[in-house]
Amino acid sequence: MSAAAEGRNDGARVSAEAGLGYVANLISPPLIGFLAASFDILTALWPLVGLFALSAVLAPAFLARQRTAPVPAVP
């Protein structure tokens, strides 16, 4: 949330981040349940492992981009 609050239009960015988190919390349990009913629970959890791995790979790129971004002047 703190990273979304930095920069221009911070209110809209924080609300978008909160909304996406809320939607993910509502959708992911039924999706995992559907996959577990179709296959098994271990197979249903593998997409989560993939998402965690993807976020671990992409996190340094976002940190580097954030460090090089210019800081806007506050009037």
PDB file of N, CA and C in Angstrom:
ATOM      1  N   MET A   1       0.819  -1.186   0.000  1.00  0.00           N
ATOM      2  CA  MET A   1       0.000   0.000   0.000  1.00  0.00           C
ATOM      3  C   MET A   1       0.868   1.255   0.000  1.00  0.00           C
ATOM      4  N   SER A   2       1.958   1.233   0.718  1.00  0.00           N
ATOM      5  CA  SER A   2       2.779   2.440   0.780  1.00  0.00           C
ATOM      6  C   SER A   2       3.409   2.755  -0.578  1.00  0.00           C
ATOM      7  N   ALA A   3       3.774   1.723  -1.340  1.00  0.00           N
ATOM      8  CA  ALA A   3       4.340   1.970  -2.668  1.00  0.00           C
ATOM      9  C   ALA A   3       3.284   2.524  -3.608  1.00  0.00           C
ATOM     10  N   ALA A   4       2.049   2.105  -3.461  1.00  0.00           N
ATOM     11  CA  ALA A   4       0.979   2.626  -4.317  1.00  0.00           C
ATOM     12  C   ALA A   4       0.641   4.060  -3.967  1.00  0.00           C
ATOM     13  N   ALA A   5       0.913   4.474  -2.738  1.00  0.00           N
ATOM     14  CA  ALA A   5       0.571   5.821  -2.303  1.00  0.00           C
ATOM     15  C   ALA A   5       1.599   6.858  -2.717  1.00  0.00           C
ATOM     16  N   GLU A   6       2.694   6.428  -3.325  1.00  0.00           N
ATOM     17  CA  GLU A   6       3.721   7.376  -3.751  1.00  0.00           C
ATOM     18  C   GLU A   6       3.444   7.829  -5.171  1.00  0.00           C
ATOM     19  N   GLY A   7       3.680   9.097  -5.436  1.00  0.00           N
ATOM     20  CA  GLY A   7       3.536   9.616  -6.784  1.00  0.00           C
ATOM     21  C   GLY A   7       2.206  10.305  -6.997  1.00  0.00           C
ATOM     22  N   ARG A   8       1.908  10.522  -8.265  1.00  0.00           N
ATOM     23  CA  ARG A   8       0.678  11.212  -8.634  1.00  0.00           C
ATOM     24  C   ARG A   8      -0.523  10.279  -8.539  1.00  0.00           C
ATOM     25  N   ASN A   9      -1.674  10.875  -8.290  1.00  0.00           N
ATOM     26  CA  ASN A   9      -2.944  10.153  -8.256  1.00  0.00           C
ATOM     27  C   ASN A   9      -2.892   8.990  -7.271  1.00  0.00           C
ATOM     28  N   ASP A  10      -2.359   9.268  -6.082  1.00  0.00           N
ATOM     29  CA  ASP A  10      -2.125   8.211  -5.116  1.00  0.00           C
ATOM     30  C   ASP A  10      -3.406   7.588  -4.577  1.00  0.00           C
ATOM     31  N   GLY A  11      -4.467   8.361  -4.435  1.00  0.00           N
ATOM     32  CA  GLY A  11      -5.721   7.809  -3.934  1.00  0.00           C
ATOM     33  C   GLY A  11      -6.303   6.761  -4.854  1.00  0.00           C
ATOM     34  N   ALA A  12      -6.254   7.026  -6.151  1.00  0.00           N
ATOM     35  CA  ALA A  12      -6.775   6.070  -7.130  1.00  0.00           C
ATOM     36  C   ALA A  12      -5.914   4.814  -7.164  1.00  0.00           C
ATOM     37  N   ARG A  13      -4.610   4.971  -7.011  1.00  0.00           N
ATOM     38  CA  ARG A  13      -3.722   3.814  -7.037  1.00  0.00           C
ATOM     39  C   ARG A  13      -3.910   2.937  -5.813  1.00  0.00           C
ATOM     40  N   VAL A  14      -4.091   3.540  -4.649  1.00  0.00           N
ATOM     41  CA  VAL A  14      -4.323   2.755  -3.430  1.00  0.00           C
ATOM     42  C   VAL A  14      -5.668   2.039  -3.510  1.00  0.00           C
ATOM     43  N   SER A  15      -6.691   2.727  -4.006  1.00  0.00           N
ATOM     44  CA  SER A  15      -7.999   2.077  -4.102  1.00  0.00           C
ATOM     45  C   SER A  15      -7.984   0.949  -5.134  1.00  0.00           C
ATOM     46  N   ALA A  16      -7.248   1.109  -6.225  1.00  0.00           N
ATOM     47  CA  ALA A  16      -7.139   0.033  -7.214  1.00  0.00           C
ATOM     48  C   ALA A  16      -6.414  -1.169  -6.624  1.00  0.00           C
ATOM     49  N   GLU A  17      -5.353  -0.925  -5.871  1.00  0.00           N
ATOM     50  CA  GLU A  17      -4.620  -2.022  -5.246  1.00  0.00           C
ATOM     51  C   GLU A  17      -5.487  -2.742  -4.215  1.00  0.00           C
ATOM     52  N   ALA A  18      -6.214  -1.988  -3.404  1.00  0.00           N
ATOM     53  CA  ALA A  18      -7.097  -2.598  -2.409  1.00  0.00           C
ATOM     54  C   ALA A  18      -8.219  -3.383  -3.084  1.00  0.00           C
ATOM     55  N   GLY A  19      -8.768  -2.850  -4.166  1.00  0.00           N
ATOM     56  CA  GLY A  19      -9.825  -3.542  -4.890  1.00  0.00           C
ATOM     57  C   GLY A  19      -9.347  -4.840  -5.504  1.00  0.00           C
ATOM     58  N   LEU A  20      -8.152  -4.826  -6.092  1.00  0.00           N
ATOM     59  CA  LEU A  20      -7.606  -6.057  -6.671  1.00  0.00           C
ATOM     60  C   LEU A  20      -7.344  -7.105  -5.596  1.00  0.00           C
ATOM     61  N   GLY A  21      -6.852  -6.676  -4.449  1.00  0.00           N
ATOM     62  CA  GLY A  21      -6.635  -7.611  -3.351  1.00  0.00           C
ATOM     63  C   GLY A  21      -7.932  -8.209  -2.858  1.00  0.00           C
ATOM     64  N   TYR A  22      -8.973  -7.401  -2.781  1.00  0.00           N
ATOM     65  CA  TYR A  22     -10.278  -7.880  -2.334  1.00  0.00           C
ATOM     66  C   TYR A  22     -10.853  -8.886  -3.324  1.00  0.00           C
ATOM     67  N   VAL A  23     -10.755  -8.591  -4.601  1.00  0.00           N
ATOM     68  CA  VAL A  23     -11.256  -9.508  -5.632  1.00  0.00           C
ATOM     69  C   VAL A  23     -10.465 -10.816  -5.609  1.00  0.00           C
ATOM     70  N   ALA A  24      -9.157 -10.734  -5.418  1.00  0.00           N
ATOM     71  CA  ALA A  24      -8.339 -11.949  -5.360  1.00  0.00           C
ATOM     72  C   ALA A  24      -8.726 -12.809  -4.163  1.00  0.00           C
ATOM     73  N   ASN A  25      -9.029 -12.170  -3.029  1.00  0.00           N
ATOM     74  CA  ASN A  25      -9.458 -12.933  -1.854  1.00  0.00           C
ATOM     75  C   ASN A  25     -10.818 -13.579  -2.050  1.00  0.00           C
ATOM     76  N   LEU A  26     -11.664 -13.002  -2.866  1.00  0.00           N
ATOM     77  CA  LEU A  26     -12.969 -13.586  -3.130  1.00  0.00           C
ATOM     78  C   LEU A  26     -12.927 -14.697  -4.177  1.00  0.00           C
ATOM     79  N   ILE A  27     -12.068 -14.558  -5.176  1.00  0.00           N
ATOM     80  CA  ILE A  27     -12.048 -15.489  -6.301  1.00  0.00           C
ATOM     81  C   ILE A  27     -11.144 -16.698  -6.057  1.00  0.00           C
ATOM     82  N   SER A  28     -10.026 -16.514  -5.374  1.00  0.00           N
ATOM     83  CA  SER A  28      -9.056 -17.607  -5.291  1.00  0.00           C
ATOM     84  C   SER A  28      -9.551 -18.840  -4.528  1.00  0.00           C
ATOM     85  N   PRO A  29     -10.244 -18.745  -3.391  1.00  0.00           N
ATOM     86  CA  PRO A  29     -10.690 -19.989  -2.747  1.00  0.00           C
ATOM     87  C   PRO A  29     -11.641 -20.830  -3.603  1.00  0.00           C
ATOM     88  N   PRO A  30     -12.663 -20.238  -4.254  1.00  0.00           N
ATOM     89  CA  PRO A  30     -13.488 -21.087  -5.124  1.00  0.00           C
ATOM     90  C   PRO A  30     -12.717 -21.658  -6.315  1.00  0.00           C
ATOM     91  N   LEU A  31     -11.768 -20.891  -6.835  1.00  0.00           N
ATOM     92  CA  LEU A  31     -10.969 -21.385  -7.957  1.00  0.00           C
ATOM     93  C   LEU A  31     -10.108 -22.569  -7.529  1.00  0.00           C
ATOM     94  N   ILE A  32      -9.484 -22.471  -6.373  1.00  0.00           N
ATOM     95  CA  ILE A  32      -8.685 -23.590  -5.864  1.00  0.00           C
ATOM     96  C   ILE A  32      -9.593 -24.789  -5.585  1.00  0.00           C
ATOM     97  N   GLY A  33     -10.777 -24.539  -5.037  1.00  0.00           N
ATOM     98  CA  GLY A  33     -11.721 -25.628  -4.788  1.00  0.00           C
ATOM     99  C   GLY A  33     -12.174 -26.297  -6.072  1.00  0.00           C
ATOM    100  N   PHE A  34     -12.421 -25.522  -7.098  1.00  0.00           N
ATOM    101  CA  PHE A  34     -12.807 -26.088  -8.392  1.00  0.00           C
ATOM    102  C   PHE A  34     -11.684 -26.954  -8.955  1.00  0.00           C
ATOM    103  N   LEU A  35     -10.455 -26.452  -8.886  1.00  0.00           N
ATOM    104  CA  LEU A  35      -9.324 -27.242  -9.378  1.00  0.00           C
ATOM    105  C   LEU A  35      -9.134 -28.504  -8.541  1.00  0.00           C
ATOM    106  N   ALA A  36      -9.331 -28.406  -7.222  1.00  0.00           N
ATOM    107  CA  ALA A  36      -9.179 -29.578  -6.359  1.00  0.00           C
ATOM    108  C   ALA A  36     -10.264 -30.612  -6.643  1.00  0.00           C
ATOM    109  N   ALA A  37     -11.487 -30.162  -6.945  1.00  0.00           N
ATOM    110  CA  ALA A  37     -12.559 -31.101  -7.273  1.00  0.00           C
ATOM    111  C   ALA A  37     -12.314 -31.754  -8.629  1.00  0.00           C
ATOM    112  N   SER A  38     -11.703 -31.017  -9.539  1.00  0.00           N
ATOM    113  CA  SER A  38     -11.439 -31.564 -10.870  1.00  0.00           C
ATOM    114  C   SER A  38     -10.233 -32.493 -10.882  1.00  0.00           C
ATOM    115  N   PHE A  39      -9.222 -32.166 -10.109  1.00  0.00           N
ATOM    116  CA  PHE A  39      -7.983 -32.958 -10.089  1.00  0.00           C
ATOM    117  C   PHE A  39      -7.769 -33.498  -8.676  1.00  0.00           C
ATOM    118  N   ASP A  40      -6.839 -32.898  -7.954  1.00  0.00           N
ATOM    119  CA  ASP A  40      -6.653 -33.170  -6.533  1.00  0.00           C
ATOM    120  C   ASP A  40      -6.068 -31.915  -5.896  1.00  0.00           C
ATOM    121  N   ILE A  41      -5.959 -31.908  -4.574  1.00  0.00           N
ATOM    122  CA  ILE A  41      -5.565 -30.678  -3.887  1.00  0.00           C
ATOM    123  C   ILE A  41      -4.129 -30.277  -4.219  1.00  0.00           C
ATOM    124  N   LEU A  42      -3.244 -31.244  -4.374  1.00  0.00           N
ATOM    125  CA  LEU A  42      -1.856 -30.908  -4.706  1.00  0.00           C
ATOM    126  C   LEU A  42      -1.766 -30.250  -6.074  1.00  0.00           C
ATOM    127  N   THR A  43      -2.482 -30.777  -7.043  1.00  0.00           N
ATOM    128  CA  THR A  43      -2.501 -30.180  -8.376  1.00  0.00           C
ATOM    129  C   THR A  43      -3.147 -28.801  -8.336  1.00  0.00           C
ATOM    130  N   ALA A  44      -4.128 -28.617  -7.479  1.00  0.00           N
ATOM    131  CA  ALA A  44      -4.810 -27.327  -7.376  1.00  0.00           C
ATOM    132  C   ALA A  44      -3.904 -26.256  -6.786  1.00  0.00           C
ATOM    133  N   LEU A  45      -2.927 -26.634  -5.986  1.00  0.00           N
ATOM    134  CA  LEU A  45      -2.044 -25.655  -5.356  1.00  0.00           C
ATOM    135  C   LEU A  45      -0.815 -25.308  -6.191  1.00  0.00           C
ATOM    136  N   TRP A  46      -0.537 -26.066  -7.241  1.00  0.00           N
ATOM    137  CA  TRP A  46       0.627 -25.767  -8.083  1.00  0.00           C
ATOM    138  C   TRP A  46       0.555 -24.393  -8.765  1.00  0.00           C
ATOM    139  N   PRO A  47      -0.614 -23.917  -9.193  1.00  0.00           N
ATOM    140  CA  PRO A  47      -0.639 -22.549  -9.745  1.00  0.00           C
ATOM    141  C   PRO A  47      -0.197 -21.490  -8.734  1.00  0.00           C
ATOM    142  N   LEU A  48      -0.467 -21.712  -7.452  1.00  0.00           N
ATOM    143  CA  LEU A  48       0.009 -20.770  -6.434  1.00  0.00           C
ATOM    144  C   LEU A  48       1.529 -20.766  -6.351  1.00  0.00           C
ATOM    145  N   VAL A  49       2.117 -21.944  -6.440  1.00  0.00           N
ATOM    146  CA  VAL A  49       3.576 -22.036  -6.441  1.00  0.00           C
ATOM    147  C   VAL A  49       4.141 -21.282  -7.637  1.00  0.00           C
ATOM    148  N   GLY A  50       3.500 -21.429  -8.778  1.00  0.00           N
ATOM    149  CA  GLY A  50       3.936 -20.700  -9.972  1.00  0.00           C
ATOM    150  C   GLY A  50       3.823 -19.195  -9.812  1.00  0.00           C
ATOM    151  N   LEU A  51       2.730 -18.729  -9.186  1.00  0.00           N
ATOM    152  CA  LEU A  51       2.574 -17.287  -8.964  1.00  0.00           C
ATOM    153  C   LEU A  51       3.601 -16.756  -7.983  1.00  0.00           C
ATOM    154  N   PHE A  52       3.903 -17.534  -6.936  1.00  0.00           N
ATOM    155  CA  PHE A  52       4.939 -17.113  -5.995  1.00  0.00           C
ATOM    156  C   PHE A  52       6.304 -17.043  -6.676  1.00  0.00           C
ATOM    157  N   ALA A  53       6.608 -18.028  -7.512  1.00  0.00           N
ATOM    158  CA  ALA A  53       7.877 -18.018  -8.239  1.00  0.00           C
ATOM    159  C   ALA A  53       7.948 -16.840  -9.204  1.00  0.00           C
ATOM    160  N   LEU A  54       6.851 -16.568  -9.893  1.00  0.00           N
ATOM    161  CA  LEU A  54       6.817 -15.431 -10.809  1.00  0.00           C
ATOM    162  C   LEU A  54       7.033 -14.111 -10.064  1.00  0.00           C
ATOM    163  N   SER A  55       6.407 -13.968  -8.907  1.00  0.00           N
ATOM    164  CA  SER A  55       6.598 -12.728  -8.146  1.00  0.00           C
ATOM    165  C   SER A  55       8.025 -12.608  -7.625  1.00  0.00           C
ATOM    166  N   ALA A  56       8.645 -13.725  -7.253  1.00  0.00           N
ATOM    167  CA  ALA A  56      10.039 -13.683  -6.808  1.00  0.00           C
ATOM    168  C   ALA A  56      10.980 -13.297  -7.945  1.00  0.00           C
ATOM    169  N   VAL A  57      10.671 -13.722  -9.155  1.00  0.00           N
ATOM    170  CA  VAL A  57      11.501 -13.384 -10.310  1.00  0.00           C
ATOM    171  C   VAL A  57      11.309 -11.917 -10.707  1.00  0.00           C
ATOM    172  N   LEU A  58      10.074 -11.428 -10.635  1.00  0.00           N
ATOM    173  CA  LEU A  58       9.783 -10.062 -11.082  1.00  0.00           C
ATOM    174  C   LEU A  58      10.058  -8.990 -10.027  1.00  0.00           C
ATOM    175  N   ALA A  59      10.137  -9.346  -8.776  1.00  0.00           N
ATOM    176  CA  ALA A  59      10.316  -8.353  -7.715  1.00  0.00           C
ATOM    177  C   ALA A  59      11.580  -7.506  -7.894  1.00  0.00           C
ATOM    178  N   PRO A  60      12.735  -8.079  -8.197  1.00  0.00           N
ATOM    179  CA  PRO A  60      13.917  -7.224  -8.393  1.00  0.00           C
ATOM    180  C   PRO A  60      13.758  -6.224  -9.536  1.00  0.00           C
ATOM    181  N   ALA A  61      13.059  -6.598 -10.575  1.00  0.00           N
ATOM    182  CA  ALA A  61      12.867  -5.677 -11.698  1.00  0.00           C
ATOM    183  C   ALA A  61      12.018  -4.478 -11.271  1.00  0.00           C
ATOM    184  N   PHE A  62      10.991  -4.720 -10.470  1.00  0.00           N
ATOM    185  CA  PHE A  62      10.160  -3.617 -10.004  1.00  0.00           C
ATOM    186  C   PHE A  62      10.905  -2.743  -9.004  1.00  0.00           C
ATOM    187  N   LEU A  63      11.753  -3.347  -8.187  1.00  0.00           N
ATOM    188  CA  LEU A  63      12.536  -2.547  -7.248  1.00  0.00           C
ATOM    189  C   LEU A  63      13.530  -1.669  -7.990  1.00  0.00           C
ATOM    190  N   ALA A  64      14.171  -2.207  -9.015  1.00  0.00           N
ATOM    191  CA  ALA A  64      15.117  -1.418  -9.797  1.00  0.00           C
ATOM    192  C   ALA A  64      14.400  -0.278 -10.506  1.00  0.00           C
ATOM    193  N   ARG A  65      13.209  -0.537 -11.018  1.00  0.00           N
ATOM    194  CA  ARG A  65      12.440   0.510 -11.695  1.00  0.00           C
ATOM    195  C   ARG A  65      12.022   1.594 -10.716  1.00  0.00           C
ATOM    196  N   GLN A  66      11.691   1.205  -9.493  1.00  0.00           N
ATOM    197  CA  GLN A  66      11.277   2.178  -8.493  1.00  0.00           C
ATOM    198  C   GLN A  66      12.453   3.044  -8.058  1.00  0.00           C
ATOM    199  N   ARG A  67      13.643   2.469  -7.977  1.00  0.00           N
ATOM    200  CA  ARG A  67      14.823   3.236  -7.563  1.00  0.00           C
ATOM    201  C   ARG A  67      15.235   4.260  -8.608  1.00  0.00           C
ATOM    202  N   THR A  68      15.020   3.950  -9.879  1.00  0.00           N
ATOM    203  CA  THR A  68      15.446   4.870 -10.930  1.00  0.00           C
ATOM    204  C   THR A  68      14.379   5.881 -11.309  1.00  0.00           C
ATOM    205  N   ALA A  69      13.164   5.712 -10.804  1.00  0.00           N
ATOM    206  CA  ALA A  69      12.087   6.653 -11.136  1.00  0.00           C
ATOM    207  C   ALA A  69      12.323   7.985 -10.432  1.00  0.00           C
ATOM    208  N   PRO A  70      12.119   9.096 -11.118  1.00  0.00           N
ATOM    209  CA  PRO A  70      12.316  10.391 -10.484  1.00  0.00           C
ATOM    210  C   PRO A  70      11.242  10.653  -9.429  1.00  0.00           C
ATOM    211  N   VAL A  71      11.654  11.315  -8.383  1.00  0.00           N
ATOM    212  CA  VAL A  71      10.723  11.654  -7.309  1.00  0.00           C
ATOM    213  C   VAL A  71      10.089  12.979  -7.651  1.00  0.00           C
ATOM    214  N   PRO A  72       8.760  13.058  -7.714  1.00  0.00           N
ATOM    215  CA  PRO A  72       8.106  14.322  -8.044  1.00  0.00           C
ATOM    216  C   PRO A  72       8.272  15.346  -6.935  1.00  0.00           C
ATOM    217  N   ALA A  73       8.414  16.577  -7.332  1.00  0.00           N
ATOM    218  CA  ALA A  73       8.541  17.667  -6.365  1.00  0.00           C
ATOM    219  C   ALA A  73       7.197  17.959  -5.725  1.00  0.00           C
ATOM    220  N   VAL A  74       7.219  18.168  -4.439  1.00  0.00           N
ATOM    221  CA  VAL A  74       5.998  18.476  -3.711  1.00  0.00           C
ATOM    222  C   VAL A  74       5.875  20.002  -3.625  1.00  0.00           C
ATOM    223  N   PRO A  75       4.754  20.549  -4.097  1.00  0.00           N
ATOM    224  CA  PRO A  75       4.630  22.026  -4.064  1.00  0.00           C
ATOM    225  C   PRO A  75       4.404  22.568  -2.670  1.00  0.00           C
TER     226      PRO A  75
END
